[in-house]
Amino acid sequence: MRLLLVEDEKRMAQALTELLRLEKYEVDHCADGISGLEAVQSGIYDIVILDVMLPGMSGLEIVKKARKAGIRTPILMLTAKGELDDKVAGLDSGADDYLTKPFLTKELLARLRALARRNIHSSDGTLSFGDISLDTGTTALVCTANQQSVRLSEKEYRILEYLIANQGQILSREQLAVKIWGFDSDAEYNNVEVYMSFTRKKLAFVGAKTTIKAVRGVGYELRCSDV
């Protein structure tokens, strides 16, 4: 799962980034409101952690602009402000949750898990399409179909996670490369093709009727024959 952290306090940003990466999240960081808005509007993130007081543009303004642009990514606001009116302003602007600094690590992680469950639209913590399902509630990266399971690599899991979360859409190689490897990665587009091949083999191994189809000149999408 890829998170965006928009936080201008250097020490806070470093501490949160290290914590979240230890919890197996992919984390990108922006230190100002302008670059933060641009990153949020990319649509590649599963959750955004957003400070209110930022140089260039406030967190509240980022949320308003992102929601106006149709970005539905769950947003957790972080701020030193603790007054009720500030919390109401954050939620009214379009944020999904609000956490006041200082906060307990356990509370932050619990809120992120809650937002992740809300984001995948599943009460049991699974992502499903056709006859395949991914369990997002465990650390084991597994795909299940026909009562058979196969272990996935991190990249394979994230490819399926992204495709299922965007079912019905064709995702370009560029979208997949940025989503899975990040903006700053040196990964080339053939990396996407290689891992697509690996992922297809895993689906075939469990006899899934769901397949990853390449749409020539456009990208990839999930399709399923009659189950």
Protein backbone atom coordinates (compact mmCIF):
# COMPACT_ATOMS: atom_id res chain seq x y z
CA MET A 1 0.00 0.00 0.00
CA ARG A 2 1.42 3.38 -1.02
CA LEU A 3 1.02 6.38 1.29
CA LEU A 4 1.71 10.05 0.73
CA LEU A 5 2.98 12.07 3.69
CA VAL A 6 2.73 15.86 3.34
CA GLU A 7 4.60 17.31 6.33
CA ASP A 8 7.00 20.26 6.51
CA GLU A 9 8.55 19.50 9.90
CA LYS A 10 11.71 17.61 8.94
CA ARG A 11 12.13 15.55 12.11
CA MET A 12 8.45 14.62 12.21
CA ALA A 13 8.52 13.62 8.55
CA GLN A 14 11.63 11.46 9.00
CA ALA A 15 10.20 9.73 12.07
CA LEU A 16 6.85 9.01 10.43
CA THR A 17 8.46 7.80 7.21
CA GLU A 18 10.69 5.36 9.11
CA LEU A 19 7.77 4.14 11.23
CA LEU A 20 5.48 3.56 8.26
CA ARG A 21 8.15 1.78 6.24
CA LEU A 22 8.77 -0.54 9.19
CA GLU A 23 5.04 -1.33 8.98
CA LYS A 24 5.58 -2.32 5.32
CA TYR A 25 3.95 0.77 3.79
CA GLU A 26 5.45 2.41 0.72
CA VAL A 27 5.87 6.09 1.62
CA ASP A 28 6.49 9.20 -0.48
CA HIS A 29 7.05 12.57 1.19
CA CYS A 30 6.31 16.17 0.21
CA ALA A 31 7.40 19.11 2.37
CA ASP A 32 5.15 21.89 1.03
CA GLY A 33 1.57 22.43 -0.02
CA ILE A 34 2.18 23.02 -3.74
CA SER A 35 4.05 19.77 -4.36
CA GLY A 36 1.67 18.05 -1.94
CA LEU A 37 -1.38 19.00 -4.00
CA GLU A 38 0.30 17.84 -7.20
CA ALA A 39 1.10 14.47 -5.62
CA VAL A 40 -2.40 14.05 -4.18
CA GLN A 41 -3.94 14.79 -7.57
CA SER A 42 -1.82 12.10 -9.22
CA GLY A 43 -4.32 9.59 -7.82
CA ILE A 44 -1.67 6.91 -7.23
CA TYR A 45 -1.88 6.88 -3.44
CA ASP A 46 -4.03 4.64 -1.26
CA ILE A 47 -4.02 7.04 1.71
CA VAL A 48 -2.77 10.61 2.26
CA ILE A 49 -1.43 11.82 5.61
CA LEU A 50 -1.65 15.59 5.47
CA ASP A 51 -0.48 18.31 7.86
CA VAL A 52 -2.68 21.40 8.11
CA MET A 53 0.01 24.09 8.44
CA LEU A 54 2.19 23.93 5.32
CA PRO A 55 4.25 26.44 3.32
CA GLY A 56 2.78 27.39 -0.03
CA MET A 57 -0.72 26.06 0.57
CA SER A 58 -2.53 24.85 3.67
CA GLY A 59 -3.63 21.28 4.13
CA LEU A 60 -7.25 22.42 4.22
CA GLU A 61 -6.85 24.06 0.82
CA ILE A 62 -5.22 20.91 -0.57
CA VAL A 63 -8.18 18.79 0.54
CA LYS A 64 -10.71 21.20 -0.96
CA LYS A 65 -8.91 21.34 -4.31
CA ALA A 66 -8.38 17.57 -4.42
CA ARG A 67 -12.03 16.82 -3.70
CA LYS A 68 -13.15 19.40 -6.25
CA ALA A 69 -10.94 17.60 -8.81
CA GLY A 70 -12.68 14.32 -8.01
CA ILE A 71 -9.88 12.73 -5.97
CA ARG A 72 -11.50 10.34 -3.49
CA THR A 73 -8.32 9.08 -1.81
CA PRO A 74 -8.81 8.78 1.99
CA ILE A 75 -7.09 11.68 3.79
CA LEU A 76 -5.95 11.74 7.41
CA MET A 77 -5.24 15.25 8.69
CA LEU A 78 -2.37 15.79 11.14
CA THR A 79 -2.06 19.04 13.05
CA ALA A 80 -0.89 20.58 16.29
CA LYS A 81 -4.24 22.30 16.58
CA GLY A 82 -6.67 20.61 18.93
CA GLU A 83 -9.66 22.91 19.04
CA LEU A 84 -13.03 21.49 18.02
CA ASP A 85 -13.56 24.16 15.35
CA ASP A 86 -10.26 23.19 13.68
CA LYS A 87 -11.29 19.54 13.58
CA VAL A 88 -14.69 20.43 12.14
CA ALA A 89 -13.03 22.62 9.47
CA GLY A 90 -10.78 19.73 8.46
CA LEU A 91 -13.60 17.24 8.17
CA ASP A 92 -15.89 19.74 6.41
CA SER A 93 -13.17 20.43 3.85
CA GLY A 94 -13.31 16.76 2.80
CA ALA A 95 -10.83 14.97 5.07
CA ASP A 96 -11.80 11.50 6.27
CA ASP A 97 -10.16 11.58 9.70
CA TYR A 98 -8.30 13.96 12.00
CA LEU A 99 -5.44 13.29 14.43
CA THR A 100 -3.99 15.90 16.78
CA LYS A 101 -0.26 16.10 17.53
CA PRO A 102 1.22 14.71 19.67
CA PHE A 103 -0.34 11.30 19.07
CA LEU A 104 0.37 7.69 19.94
CA THR A 105 1.92 5.53 17.24
CA LYS A 106 -0.65 2.80 17.86
CA GLU A 107 -3.50 5.23 17.27
CA LEU A 108 -2.04 6.47 13.99
CA LEU A 109 -1.57 2.92 12.70
CA ALA A 110 -5.08 1.92 13.79
CA ARG A 111 -6.58 4.87 11.95
CA LEU A 112 -4.61 4.05 8.82
CA ARG A 113 -5.88 0.46 8.93
CA ALA A 114 -9.44 1.75 9.29
CA LEU A 115 -9.03 4.06 6.30
CA ALA A 116 -7.52 1.22 4.26
CA ARG A 117 -10.52 -1.01 5.00
CA ARG A 118 -12.88 1.81 4.04
CA ASN A 119 -10.96 2.43 0.83
CA ILE A 120 -11.27 -1.14 -0.47
CA HIS A 121 -15.05 -1.18 0.12
CA SER A 122 -14.96 -4.52 1.92
CA SER A 123 -16.08 -5.34 5.43
CA ASP A 124 -14.00 -8.51 5.66
CA GLY A 125 -10.68 -7.01 4.58
CA THR A 126 -10.50 -8.61 1.14
CA LEU A 127 -10.23 -7.31 -2.40
CA SER A 128 -12.05 -9.45 -4.95
CA PHE A 129 -12.63 -9.63 -8.67
CA GLY A 130 -14.14 -12.53 -10.56
CA ASP A 131 -12.94 -15.70 -8.88
CA ILE A 132 -9.82 -14.25 -7.22
CA SER A 133 -9.39 -12.55 -3.86
CA LEU A 134 -6.60 -10.87 -1.91
CA ASP A 135 -6.57 -10.77 1.87
CA THR A 136 -5.47 -7.27 2.86
CA GLY A 137 -5.71 -7.95 6.57
CA THR A 138 -2.59 -10.15 6.91
CA THR A 139 1.10 -9.80 6.21
CA ALA A 140 1.03 -12.89 3.97
CA LEU A 141 0.85 -11.86 0.31
CA VAL A 142 -1.53 -14.46 -1.08
CA CYS A 143 -3.96 -14.76 -3.97
CA THR A 144 -6.81 -17.28 -3.68
CA ALA A 145 -8.99 -18.84 -6.38
CA ASN A 146 -10.91 -22.13 -6.55
CA GLN A 147 -10.05 -22.78 -2.90
CA GLN A 148 -6.37 -22.78 -3.87
CA SER A 149 -3.82 -20.19 -2.80
CA VAL A 150 -0.50 -19.03 -4.18
CA ARG A 151 2.05 -16.81 -2.49
CA LEU A 152 2.81 -13.56 -4.30
CA SER A 153 5.87 -11.35 -4.30
CA GLU A 154 5.31 -7.79 -3.11
CA LYS A 155 5.24 -6.41 -6.67
CA GLU A 156 2.86 -9.13 -7.88
CA TYR A 157 0.54 -8.46 -4.96
CA ARG A 158 0.53 -4.72 -5.55
CA ILE A 159 -0.16 -5.18 -9.26
CA LEU A 160 -3.25 -7.27 -8.49
CA GLU A 161 -4.28 -4.92 -5.69
CA TYR A 162 -4.12 -1.92 -8.03
CA LEU A 163 -5.94 -3.70 -10.86
CA ILE A 164 -8.72 -4.95 -8.57
CA ALA A 165 -9.15 -1.55 -6.90
CA ASN A 166 -9.56 -0.06 -10.41
CA GLN A 167 -11.60 -2.87 -11.93
CA GLY A 168 -13.37 -1.90 -15.12
CA GLN A 169 -10.57 0.50 -16.05
CA ILE A 170 -7.57 0.07 -18.32
CA LEU A 171 -4.38 1.07 -16.51
CA SER A 172 -1.43 2.28 -18.54
CA ARG A 173 2.11 1.03 -18.09
CA GLU A 174 3.04 4.51 -16.85
CA GLN A 175 0.31 4.43 -14.18
CA LEU A 176 1.42 0.99 -13.05
CA ALA A 177 5.11 1.93 -13.01
CA VAL A 178 4.50 5.03 -10.89
CA LYS A 179 2.04 3.27 -8.59
CA ILE A 180 4.20 0.19 -7.94
CA TRP A 181 7.72 1.62 -8.17
CA GLY A 182 7.11 5.32 -7.33
CA PHE A 183 7.91 8.65 -8.96
CA ASP A 184 11.61 8.54 -8.12
CA SER A 185 12.22 4.97 -9.22
CA ASP A 186 14.52 4.10 -12.10
CA ALA A 187 12.18 1.25 -13.06
CA GLU A 188 11.56 1.01 -16.80
CA TYR A 189 8.33 0.04 -18.51
CA ASN A 190 9.68 -3.44 -19.28
CA ASN A 191 9.70 -4.03 -15.50
CA VAL A 192 5.92 -3.77 -15.66
CA GLU A 193 5.77 -6.35 -18.46
CA VAL A 194 8.07 -8.74 -16.60
CA TYR A 195 6.01 -8.62 -13.41
CA MET A 196 2.78 -8.86 -15.39
CA SER A 197 4.11 -12.12 -16.79
CA PHE A 198 4.98 -13.38 -13.31
CA THR A 199 1.52 -12.42 -12.00
CA ARG A 200 -0.28 -14.11 -14.91
CA LYS A 201 1.61 -17.33 -14.14
CA LYS A 202 0.47 -17.18 -10.52
CA LEU A 203 -3.17 -16.78 -11.61
CA ALA A 204 -2.79 -19.72 -13.99
CA PHE A 205 -1.23 -21.82 -11.21
CA VAL A 206 -4.41 -21.61 -9.10
CA GLY A 207 -6.62 -22.14 -12.16
CA ALA A 208 -8.20 -18.68 -11.98
CA LYS A 209 -10.64 -17.71 -14.70
CA THR A 210 -9.64 -14.13 -14.04
CA THR A 211 -6.85 -12.98 -16.34
CA ILE A 212 -4.79 -9.86 -16.97
CA LYS A 213 -5.39 -8.70 -20.52
CA ALA A 214 -3.07 -6.38 -22.41
CA VAL A 215 -4.96 -3.77 -24.44
CA ARG A 216 -2.66 -2.97 -27.32
CA GLY A 217 -1.22 0.52 -27.12
CA VAL A 218 -3.26 1.36 -24.01
CA GLY A 219 -2.43 -0.77 -20.98
CA TYR A 220 -3.79 -3.60 -18.85
CA GLU A 221 -7.11 -4.61 -17.31
CA LEU A 222 -8.61 -7.53 -15.40
CA ARG A 223 -11.13 -9.71 -17.18
CA CYS A 224 -12.99 -12.79 -16.06
CA SER A 225 -14.73 -15.46 -18.07
CA ASP A 226 -17.89 -17.01 -16.62
CA VAL A 227 -17.19 -18.35 -13.16
